[in-house]
């Protein structure tokens, strides 16, 4: 027995299709830009040769890094690519007359 396949697609007005495509093309570059925005962390784990000497620079604290390498071997180093946040501006103190 042969089944009849339906060739009927959902009917969308062409304006709706164009609107969906326009939104898709507008949002996509923004999503790609967010996904590519890398975050630098101050600590790197350099794993032992048993793990092919891999490096992971995704640690906020030295304690996080040390906990990760415990049991697998390796060492923790400061990330040379880490710049850190810009220094915060100090509020100006008002000198009060005596």
Protein backbone atom coordinates (compact mmCIF):
# COMPACT_ATOMS: atom_id res chain seq x y z
CA UNK A 1 0.00 0.00 0.00
CA UNK A 2 1.33 3.37 -0.96
CA UNK A 3 1.07 6.38 1.36
CA UNK A 4 0.28 9.72 -0.07
CA UNK A 5 2.72 12.35 1.12
CA UNK A 6 1.39 15.75 1.77
CA UNK A 7 3.29 18.51 -0.01
CA UNK A 8 1.35 21.19 1.77
CA UNK A 9 3.60 23.40 3.87
CA UNK A 10 2.38 25.66 6.58
CA UNK A 11 1.08 28.69 4.79
CA UNK A 12 2.88 31.78 6.05
CA UNK A 13 2.44 35.16 4.50
CA UNK A 14 5.63 36.33 2.84
CA UNK A 15 5.85 39.33 5.18
CA UNK A 16 5.94 36.99 8.19
CA UNK A 17 8.68 34.87 6.61
CA UNK A 18 10.74 37.95 5.85
CA UNK A 19 10.23 39.21 9.39
CA UNK A 20 11.42 35.93 10.89
CA UNK A 21 14.49 35.92 8.65
CA UNK A 22 15.28 39.54 9.49
CA UNK A 23 15.12 38.83 13.23
CA UNK A 24 17.30 35.74 12.78
CA UNK A 25 19.98 37.62 10.88
CA UNK A 26 19.90 40.47 13.37
CA UNK A 27 20.21 38.32 16.49
CA UNK A 28 22.78 35.84 15.14
CA UNK A 29 25.82 38.17 15.00
CA UNK A 30 25.10 39.36 18.53
CA UNK A 31 24.88 35.80 19.83
CA UNK A 32 28.11 34.88 18.07
CA UNK A 33 29.85 37.92 19.54
CA UNK A 34 28.75 36.97 23.05
CA UNK A 35 29.91 33.39 22.59
CA UNK A 36 33.34 34.56 21.44
CA UNK A 37 33.83 37.01 24.28
CA UNK A 38 36.53 35.28 26.29
CA UNK A 39 36.96 35.75 29.98
CA UNK A 40 40.50 35.76 31.30
CA UNK A 41 41.11 34.35 34.77
CA UNK A 42 44.17 34.99 36.96
CA UNK A 43 45.24 31.35 37.50
CA UNK A 44 46.26 28.53 35.15
CA UNK A 45 46.63 24.81 35.86
CA UNK A 46 49.44 23.15 33.93
CA UNK A 47 48.69 19.45 34.16
CA UNK A 48 51.32 16.73 34.37
CA UNK A 49 52.73 14.87 31.39
CA UNK A 50 50.30 12.03 32.15
CA UNK A 51 47.55 14.32 30.90
CA UNK A 52 49.62 15.44 27.89
CA UNK A 53 50.76 18.63 29.60
CA UNK A 54 47.46 20.42 29.01
CA UNK A 55 46.85 23.93 30.35
CA UNK A 56 43.60 25.36 31.72
CA UNK A 57 43.52 29.09 32.52
CA UNK A 58 40.00 29.17 33.92
CA UNK A 59 40.48 29.64 37.65
CA UNK A 60 39.51 32.67 39.72
CA UNK A 61 41.50 31.64 42.78
CA UNK A 62 44.66 29.73 43.54
CA UNK A 63 42.61 27.40 45.76
CA UNK A 64 40.36 26.44 42.81
CA UNK A 65 43.40 25.66 40.70
CA UNK A 66 45.08 23.59 43.41
CA UNK A 67 41.89 21.61 44.04
CA UNK A 68 41.70 20.79 40.34
CA UNK A 69 45.24 19.48 40.01
CA UNK A 70 45.15 17.48 43.25
CA UNK A 71 45.17 13.82 42.35
CA UNK A 72 46.11 14.32 38.69
CA UNK A 73 49.34 16.22 39.14
CA UNK A 74 50.55 19.47 37.74
CA UNK A 75 51.13 22.96 39.02
CA UNK A 76 49.35 26.29 39.25
CA UNK A 77 50.79 29.43 37.70
CA UNK A 78 49.63 33.00 37.33
CA UNK A 79 48.00 33.57 33.95
CA UNK A 80 50.37 35.77 31.92
CA UNK A 81 47.45 36.95 29.73
CA UNK A 82 45.38 38.15 32.70
CA UNK A 83 45.10 41.93 32.86
CA UNK A 84 42.57 42.28 35.66
CA UNK A 85 39.91 44.89 36.14
CA UNK A 86 40.84 48.56 35.79
CA UNK A 87 41.63 50.30 39.06
CA UNK A 88 38.65 51.86 40.75
CA UNK A 89 38.61 55.61 41.04
CA UNK A 90 39.03 56.73 44.62
CA UNK A 91 36.31 59.09 45.82
CA UNK A 92 37.57 62.58 46.49
CA UNK A 93 37.59 63.47 50.13
CA UNK A 94 36.22 66.80 51.06
CA UNK A 95 38.42 68.84 53.32
CA UNK A 96 36.33 70.27 56.06
CA UNK A 97 37.40 73.60 57.54
CA UNK A 98 38.19 73.51 61.24
